[in-house]
Amino acid sequence: MKTAPFKILAGVAFAALSLLAGCTEENSSTSAAPVKISLGDKTLTMEFAITSSEQRKGLMGREGIADDHGMLFVYKEPQRMSYWMKNVDFPIDIGFFTADGVLREVYPMYPQDTLARKSIRDDMLYALETRHRWYSDNKIRPGAQLDLKAVRKAIANR
């Protein structure tokens, strides 16, 4: 009978941990499948970073990003963007977009660079990370339009 209290305690601990694991922002968002969305005359397969935990993690811990893939960060309010490359071991490019889905700024970012890359404008609502030189290789320049209808649909389907 000495093992009964241990089994009960272990069962309670397991149940509590299972409950806590089900309550994180991560679980609701990591299962979302990437979506094909156009930017200018090109199409990318995009993952979304919407929750604060998704945005904090970004591309950290990955080995790279495939060609014609990207991670779209979506914010609730327009703001000045600020990104760094802590725990990212490969170069990327980042584009900043205003609420109307227009690309305004593009910057290269380099592995493990912890100096923040800040947008010039303070009215940005989206940021799109791609492989290094994707924007220039595809002739996507400021003024290109992100398909906001597809973005909104993807967000609604999460």
C-alpha atoms as a PDB file:
ATOM      1  CA  MET A   1       0.000   0.000   0.000  1.00  0.00           C
ATOM      2  CA  LYS A   2       2.969   2.355   0.211  1.00  0.00           C
ATOM      3  CA  THR A   3       2.928   2.862  -3.583  1.00  0.00           C
ATOM      4  CA  ALA A   4      -0.670   4.109  -3.712  1.00  0.00           C
ATOM      5  CA  PRO A   5       0.129   7.719  -2.628  1.00  0.00           C
ATOM      6  CA  PHE A   6       2.985   7.860  -5.180  1.00  0.00           C
ATOM      7  CA  LYS A   7       0.703   6.624  -7.990  1.00  0.00           C
ATOM      8  CA  ILE A   8      -1.961   9.166  -7.069  1.00  0.00           C
ATOM      9  CA  LEU A   9       0.598  11.993  -6.934  1.00  0.00           C
ATOM     10  CA  ALA A  10       2.113  10.936 -10.255  1.00  0.00           C
ATOM     11  CA  GLY A  11      -1.336  10.791 -11.849  1.00  0.00           C
ATOM     12  CA  VAL A  12      -2.232  14.266 -10.562  1.00  0.00           C
ATOM     13  CA  ALA A  13       1.093  15.676 -11.802  1.00  0.00           C
ATOM     14  CA  PHE A  14       0.618  14.095 -15.241  1.00  0.00           C
ATOM     15  CA  ALA A  15      -2.930  15.466 -15.510  1.00  0.00           C
ATOM     16  CA  ALA A  16      -1.774  18.955 -14.494  1.00  0.00           C
ATOM     17  CA  LEU A  17       1.069  18.936 -17.043  1.00  0.00           C
ATOM     18  CA  SER A  18      -1.267  17.706 -19.781  1.00  0.00           C
ATOM     19  CA  LEU A  19      -3.714  20.483 -18.973  1.00  0.00           C
ATOM     20  CA  LEU A  20      -0.980  23.116 -19.017  1.00  0.00           C
ATOM     21  CA  ALA A  21       0.379  21.844 -22.329  1.00  0.00           C
ATOM     22  CA  GLY A  22      -3.054  22.206 -23.878  1.00  0.00           C
ATOM     23  CA  CYS A  23      -3.303  25.848 -22.809  1.00  0.00           C
ATOM     24  CA  THR A  24      -0.308  27.295 -24.617  1.00  0.00           C
ATOM     25  CA  GLU A  25      -0.487  29.618 -27.614  1.00  0.00           C
ATOM     26  CA  GLU A  26       1.956  27.308 -29.381  1.00  0.00           C
ATOM     27  CA  ASN A  27      -0.462  24.395 -29.693  1.00  0.00           C
ATOM     28  CA  SER A  28      -3.182  26.345 -31.436  1.00  0.00           C
ATOM     29  CA  SER A  29      -0.889  27.730 -34.075  1.00  0.00           C
ATOM     30  CA  THR A  30       1.847  25.243 -34.881  1.00  0.00           C
ATOM     31  CA  SER A  31      -0.613  22.919 -36.603  1.00  0.00           C
ATOM     32  CA  ALA A  32      -1.597  25.549 -39.157  1.00  0.00           C
ATOM     33  CA  ALA A  33      -0.518  24.438 -42.609  1.00  0.00           C
ATOM     34  CA  PRO A  34       1.456  26.844 -44.808  1.00  0.00           C
ATOM     35  CA  VAL A  35      -0.593  28.660 -47.460  1.00  0.00           C
ATOM     36  CA  LYS A  36       0.285  29.821 -50.975  1.00  0.00           C
ATOM     37  CA  ILE A  37      -0.052  33.605 -51.213  1.00  0.00           C
ATOM     38  CA  SER A  38       0.993  35.974 -53.967  1.00  0.00           C
ATOM     39  CA  LEU A  39       3.285  38.950 -53.656  1.00  0.00           C
ATOM     40  CA  GLY A  40       3.439  40.947 -56.857  1.00  0.00           C
ATOM     41  CA  ASP A  41       3.584  38.400 -59.681  1.00  0.00           C
ATOM     42  CA  LYS A  42       5.197  35.666 -57.531  1.00  0.00           C
ATOM     43  CA  THR A  43       3.666  33.097 -55.203  1.00  0.00           C
ATOM     44  CA  LEU A  44       5.198  31.980 -51.917  1.00  0.00           C
ATOM     45  CA  THR A  45       4.237  29.240 -49.512  1.00  0.00           C
ATOM     46  CA  MET A  46       3.835  31.168 -46.257  1.00  0.00           C
ATOM     47  CA  GLU A  47       3.767  30.178 -42.639  1.00  0.00           C
ATOM     48  CA  PHE A  48       2.150  32.663 -40.290  1.00  0.00           C
ATOM     49  CA  ALA A  49       3.525  34.115 -37.077  1.00  0.00           C
ATOM     50  CA  ILE A  50       0.549  35.742 -35.393  1.00  0.00           C
ATOM     51  CA  THR A  51       0.727  34.939 -31.689  1.00  0.00           C
ATOM     52  CA  SER A  52       3.425  36.516 -29.550  1.00  0.00           C
ATOM     53  CA  SER A  53       5.059  33.115 -28.995  1.00  0.00           C
ATOM     54  CA  GLU A  54       5.169  32.433 -32.752  1.00  0.00           C
ATOM     55  CA  GLN A  55       6.641  35.872 -33.351  1.00  0.00           C
ATOM     56  CA  ARG A  56       9.290  35.427 -30.651  1.00  0.00           C
ATOM     57  CA  LYS A  57      10.359  32.090 -32.134  1.00  0.00           C
ATOM     58  CA  GLY A  58      10.225  33.090 -35.814  1.00  0.00           C
ATOM     59  CA  LEU A  59      12.783  31.065 -37.774  1.00  0.00           C
ATOM     60  CA  MET A  60      14.931  30.191 -34.740  1.00  0.00           C
ATOM     61  CA  GLY A  61      16.213  26.644 -34.566  1.00  0.00           C
ATOM     62  CA  ARG A  62      15.752  25.865 -38.260  1.00  0.00           C
ATOM     63  CA  GLU A  63      18.407  24.890 -40.751  1.00  0.00           C
ATOM     64  CA  GLY A  64      17.175  27.233 -43.477  1.00  0.00           C
ATOM     65  CA  ILE A  65      14.209  28.399 -45.454  1.00  0.00           C
ATOM     66  CA  ALA A  66      13.256  26.895 -48.793  1.00  0.00           C
ATOM     67  CA  ASP A  67      13.064  28.885 -52.001  1.00  0.00           C
ATOM     68  CA  ASP A  68       9.617  30.397 -52.540  1.00  0.00           C
ATOM     69  CA  HIS A  69       8.762  29.936 -48.854  1.00  0.00           C
ATOM     70  CA  GLY A  70       8.371  32.628 -46.241  1.00  0.00           C
ATOM     71  CA  MET A  71       7.167  33.463 -42.779  1.00  0.00           C
ATOM     72  CA  LEU A  72       4.609  36.255 -42.550  1.00  0.00           C
ATOM     73  CA  PHE A  73       4.427  38.123 -39.250  1.00  0.00           C
ATOM     74  CA  VAL A  74       1.032  39.731 -38.716  1.00  0.00           C
ATOM     75  CA  TYR A  75       0.514  42.434 -36.090  1.00  0.00           C
ATOM     76  CA  LYS A  76      -2.621  43.904 -34.550  1.00  0.00           C
ATOM     77  CA  GLU A  77      -1.543  47.532 -34.859  1.00  0.00           C
ATOM     78  CA  PRO A  78       0.732  49.405 -37.271  1.00  0.00           C
ATOM     79  CA  GLN A  79       4.166  50.019 -35.778  1.00  0.00           C
ATOM     80  CA  ARG A  80       7.877  50.469 -36.407  1.00  0.00           C
ATOM     81  CA  MET A  81       9.262  46.995 -36.988  1.00  0.00           C
ATOM     82  CA  SER A  82      12.375  45.720 -35.222  1.00  0.00           C
ATOM     83  CA  TYR A  83      13.938  42.316 -35.920  1.00  0.00           C
ATOM     84  CA  TRP A  84      17.179  40.537 -35.085  1.00  0.00           C
ATOM     85  CA  MET A  85      18.751  37.183 -35.950  1.00  0.00           C
ATOM     86  CA  LYS A  86      19.480  35.646 -32.563  1.00  0.00           C
ATOM     87  CA  ASN A  87      19.594  31.834 -32.896  1.00  0.00           C
ATOM     88  CA  VAL A  88      19.158  31.958 -36.683  1.00  0.00           C
ATOM     89  CA  ASP A  89      22.117  30.402 -38.499  1.00  0.00           C
ATOM     90  CA  PHE A  90      21.344  31.375 -42.098  1.00  0.00           C
ATOM     91  CA  PRO A  91      20.881  34.688 -43.923  1.00  0.00           C
ATOM     92  CA  ILE A  92      17.409  35.941 -44.856  1.00  0.00           C
ATOM     93  CA  ASP A  93      15.735  38.969 -46.343  1.00  0.00           C
ATOM     94  CA  ILE A  94      12.898  40.751 -44.602  1.00  0.00           C
ATOM     95  CA  GLY A  95      10.241  42.919 -46.182  1.00  0.00           C
ATOM     96  CA  PHE A  96       8.025  45.328 -44.274  1.00  0.00           C
ATOM     97  CA  PHE A  97       4.459  46.081 -45.426  1.00  0.00           C
ATOM     98  CA  THR A  98       1.895  48.712 -44.521  1.00  0.00           C
ATOM     99  CA  ALA A  99      -1.712  47.801 -43.642  1.00  0.00           C
ATOM    100  CA  ASP A 100      -2.747  48.072 -47.307  1.00  0.00           C
ATOM    101  CA  GLY A 101      -0.378  45.185 -48.117  1.00  0.00           C
ATOM    102  CA  VAL A 102       2.134  47.322 -50.003  1.00  0.00           C
ATOM    103  CA  LEU A 103       5.804  46.377 -49.651  1.00  0.00           C
ATOM    104  CA  ARG A 104       7.651  49.457 -48.398  1.00  0.00           C
ATOM    105  CA  GLU A 105      11.117  48.317 -47.248  1.00  0.00           C
ATOM    106  CA  VAL A 106      13.393  45.288 -47.812  1.00  0.00           C
ATOM    107  CA  TYR A 107      16.552  44.480 -45.864  1.00  0.00           C
ATOM    108  CA  PRO A 108      19.099  41.640 -45.750  1.00  0.00           C
ATOM    109  CA  MET A 109      19.686  40.033 -42.368  1.00  0.00           C
ATOM    110  CA  TYR A 110      22.681  37.926 -41.387  1.00  0.00           C
ATOM    111  CA  PRO A 111      23.182  34.870 -39.147  1.00  0.00           C
ATOM    112  CA  GLN A 112      23.352  35.493 -35.403  1.00  0.00           C
ATOM    113  CA  ASP A 113      23.257  39.292 -35.816  1.00  0.00           C
ATOM    114  CA  THR A 114      21.751  40.605 -32.587  1.00  0.00           C
ATOM    115  CA  LEU A 115      21.671  44.234 -33.707  1.00  0.00           C
ATOM    116  CA  ALA A 116      18.076  45.138 -34.444  1.00  0.00           C
ATOM    117  CA  ARG A 117      17.061  45.931 -38.021  1.00  0.00           C
ATOM    118  CA  LYS A 118      14.390  48.607 -37.687  1.00  0.00           C
ATOM    119  CA  SER A 119      11.961  49.817 -40.300  1.00  0.00           C
ATOM    120  CA  ILE A 120      12.193  53.453 -41.267  1.00  0.00           C
ATOM    121  CA  ARG A 121       8.428  53.823 -41.239  1.00  0.00           C
ATOM    122  CA  ASP A 122       6.271  53.472 -38.150  1.00  0.00           C
ATOM    123  CA  ASP A 123       3.114  52.315 -39.954  1.00  0.00           C
ATOM    124  CA  MET A 124       4.056  48.715 -40.768  1.00  0.00           C
ATOM    125  CA  LEU A 125       1.601  45.881 -40.131  1.00  0.00           C
ATOM    126  CA  TYR A 126       3.281  42.886 -41.790  1.00  0.00           C
ATOM    127  CA  ALA A 127       6.814  41.521 -42.070  1.00  0.00           C
ATOM    128  CA  LEU A 128       7.781  38.757 -44.496  1.00  0.00           C
ATOM    129  CA  GLU A 129      10.971  36.744 -44.024  1.00  0.00           C
ATOM    130  CA  THR A 130      12.293  34.866 -47.062  1.00  0.00           C
ATOM    131  CA  ARG A 131      15.522  33.213 -48.108  1.00  0.00           C
ATOM    132  CA  HIS A 132      18.402  35.604 -48.660  1.00  0.00           C
ATOM    133  CA  ARG A 133      18.084  37.509 -51.977  1.00  0.00           C
ATOM    134  CA  TRP A 134      14.584  36.184 -52.707  1.00  0.00           C
ATOM    135  CA  TYR A 135      13.203  39.696 -53.221  1.00  0.00           C
ATOM    136  CA  SER A 136      15.965  40.781 -55.619  1.00  0.00           C
ATOM    137  CA  ASP A 137      16.113  37.433 -57.467  1.00  0.00           C
ATOM    138  CA  ASN A 138      12.370  37.684 -58.117  1.00  0.00           C
ATOM    139  CA  LYS A 139      12.394  41.422 -58.907  1.00  0.00           C
ATOM    140  CA  ILE A 140      10.005  42.118 -56.011  1.00  0.00           C
ATOM    141  CA  ARG A 141      10.565  45.724 -55.006  1.00  0.00           C
ATOM    142  CA  PRO A 142       8.867  48.308 -52.806  1.00  0.00           C
ATOM    143  CA  GLY A 143       5.415  48.944 -54.230  1.00  0.00           C
ATOM    144  CA  ALA A 144       4.646  45.233 -54.759  1.00  0.00           C
ATOM    145  CA  GLN A 145       1.237  44.174 -53.460  1.00  0.00           C
ATOM    146  CA  LEU A 146       0.659  41.348 -50.989  1.00  0.00           C
ATOM    147  CA  ASP A 147      -2.609  39.441 -51.608  1.00  0.00           C
ATOM    148  CA  LEU A 148      -4.436  40.589 -48.479  1.00  0.00           C
ATOM    149  CA  LYS A 149      -7.598  38.701 -49.373  1.00  0.00           C
ATOM    150  CA  ALA A 150      -5.631  35.429 -49.241  1.00  0.00           C
ATOM    151  CA  VAL A 151      -3.862  36.549 -46.032  1.00  0.00           C
ATOM    152  CA  ARG A 152      -7.181  37.291 -44.311  1.00  0.00           C
ATOM    153  CA  LYS A 153      -8.642  33.969 -45.468  1.00  0.00           C
ATOM    154  CA  ALA A 154      -5.612  32.053 -44.167  1.00  0.00           C
ATOM    155  CA  ILE A 155      -5.843  33.801 -40.803  1.00  0.00           C
ATOM    156  CA  ALA A 156      -9.578  33.091 -40.556  1.00  0.00           C
ATOM    157  CA  ASN A 157      -8.947  29.398 -41.310  1.00  0.00           C
ATOM    158  CA  ARG A 158      -6.439  28.948 -38.481  1.00  0.00           C
END
